[in-house]
Amino acid sequence: MARSDIAWGDEEGFRAGLAARPELRHVYGLTGYRTEADLRAFFDGEATLFDEVQAWLADEVHDGVLARQDDMRAVFWVALEADRDVMAFHLRWSEHLVDHTV
């Protein structure tokens, strides 16, 4: 079942969300544009890695999640609550991770 309760925010909102929800203690950053083709796809309005991550979060995460897409830095930030979601996220997206905070 797709989720509709994923909290999205800008940088300030994401930081405030993390401060207000200490249970979201696993924070990941994924790089979105590694090649010129990735960048071109973004500017051409085609599906990108960020779109894939958003769909995966909606379908696979069971507990609390906070996400932020930073197009200017080409990083997608995700904060997760449940260990099972953290493990599944890491297994699925580990090749794209640029930062991880526990």
Protein backbone atom coordinates (compact mmCIF):
# COMPACT_ATOMS: atom_id res chain seq x y z
CA MET A 1 0.00 0.00 0.00
CA ALA A 2 1.45 3.37 -0.96
CA ARG A 3 2.01 5.83 1.84
CA SER A 4 0.59 9.31 1.87
CA ASP A 5 2.08 10.35 5.21
CA ILE A 6 5.72 10.87 4.19
CA ALA A 7 6.80 14.24 5.55
CA TRP A 8 8.56 16.38 2.93
CA GLY A 9 10.33 19.63 3.62
CA ASP A 10 12.84 22.24 2.58
CA GLU A 11 16.17 22.40 4.40
CA GLU A 12 14.79 24.33 7.36
CA GLY A 13 11.72 22.13 7.59
CA PHE A 14 13.81 18.97 7.36
CA ARG A 15 16.08 20.09 10.22
CA ALA A 16 13.07 21.13 12.30
CA GLY A 17 11.42 17.78 11.60
CA LEU A 18 14.52 15.94 12.77
CA ALA A 19 14.68 18.03 15.94
CA ALA A 20 10.99 17.44 16.68
CA ARG A 21 11.12 13.71 15.98
CA PRO A 22 14.15 12.16 17.72
CA GLU A 23 12.90 8.70 16.76
CA LEU A 24 14.08 9.49 13.20
CA ARG A 25 17.66 8.80 14.17
CA HIS A 26 18.92 7.20 10.94
CA VAL A 27 19.68 9.86 8.34
CA TYR A 28 20.95 9.08 4.85
CA GLY A 29 22.07 11.21 1.94
CA LEU A 30 22.02 9.81 -1.58
CA THR A 31 23.70 11.33 -4.60
CA GLY A 32 21.33 11.81 -7.47
CA TYR A 33 23.34 12.92 -10.47
CA ARG A 34 26.55 11.02 -11.12
CA THR A 35 26.77 11.46 -14.87
CA GLU A 36 25.88 14.01 -17.50
CA ALA A 37 23.05 11.70 -18.58
CA ASP A 38 21.60 11.81 -15.03
CA LEU A 39 21.73 15.59 -15.07
CA ARG A 40 20.21 15.81 -18.53
CA ALA A 41 17.37 13.51 -17.46
CA PHE A 42 16.59 15.80 -14.53
CA PHE A 43 16.50 18.96 -16.68
CA ASP A 44 14.50 17.19 -19.40
CA GLY A 45 11.85 16.19 -16.87
CA GLU A 46 12.59 12.48 -17.19
CA ALA A 47 12.51 10.03 -14.31
CA THR A 48 15.57 10.24 -12.05
CA LEU A 49 17.00 8.30 -9.14
CA PHE A 50 15.12 10.64 -6.81
CA ASP A 51 11.83 9.56 -8.39
CA GLU A 52 12.77 5.93 -7.82
CA VAL A 53 13.64 6.61 -4.18
CA GLN A 54 10.36 8.44 -3.60
CA ALA A 55 8.38 5.53 -5.05
CA TRP A 56 10.36 3.04 -2.97
CA LEU A 57 9.76 5.01 0.23
CA ALA A 58 6.03 5.17 -0.50
CA ASP A 59 5.77 1.44 -1.13
CA GLU A 60 8.32 -0.11 1.23
CA VAL A 61 8.76 1.96 4.41
CA HIS A 62 6.57 0.86 7.32
CA ASP A 63 7.25 3.45 10.02
CA GLY A 64 8.28 7.10 10.36
CA VAL A 65 10.07 8.76 7.47
CA LEU A 66 11.11 12.31 6.66
CA ALA A 67 12.56 13.16 3.24
CA ARG A 68 14.05 16.14 1.46
CA GLN A 69 15.09 16.48 -2.16
CA ASP A 70 17.87 19.01 -2.69
CA ASP A 71 18.13 19.50 -6.46
CA MET A 72 20.83 22.17 -6.28
CA ARG A 73 23.21 19.87 -4.38
CA ALA A 74 21.91 16.73 -6.09
CA VAL A 75 21.33 15.02 -2.75
CA PHE A 76 18.22 13.27 -1.47
CA TRP A 77 17.99 13.19 2.33
CA VAL A 78 16.01 10.50 4.14
CA ALA A 79 15.48 10.04 7.88
CA LEU A 80 14.05 6.71 9.02
CA GLU A 81 12.73 5.43 12.32
CA ALA A 82 12.45 1.63 12.28
CA ASP A 83 15.48 -0.64 12.11
CA ARG A 84 13.76 -2.87 9.54
CA ASP A 85 13.25 0.14 7.26
CA VAL A 86 16.84 1.24 7.78
CA MET A 87 18.19 -2.18 6.84
CA ALA A 88 15.95 -2.45 3.76
CA PHE A 89 16.84 1.11 2.68
CA HIS A 90 20.56 0.49 3.08
CA LEU A 91 20.43 -2.77 1.14
CA ARG A 92 18.47 -1.21 -1.71
CA TRP A 93 20.27 2.14 -2.04
CA SER A 94 23.78 1.60 -0.60
CA GLU A 95 25.55 2.21 -3.90
CA HIS A 96 24.17 5.77 -3.94
CA LEU A 97 24.89 6.73 -0.33
CA VAL A 98 27.09 9.77 0.25
CA ASP A 99 26.36 10.31 3.93
CA HIS A 100 24.93 8.34 6.83
CA THR A 101 24.34 9.43 10.39
CA VAL A 102 23.12 7.12 13.14
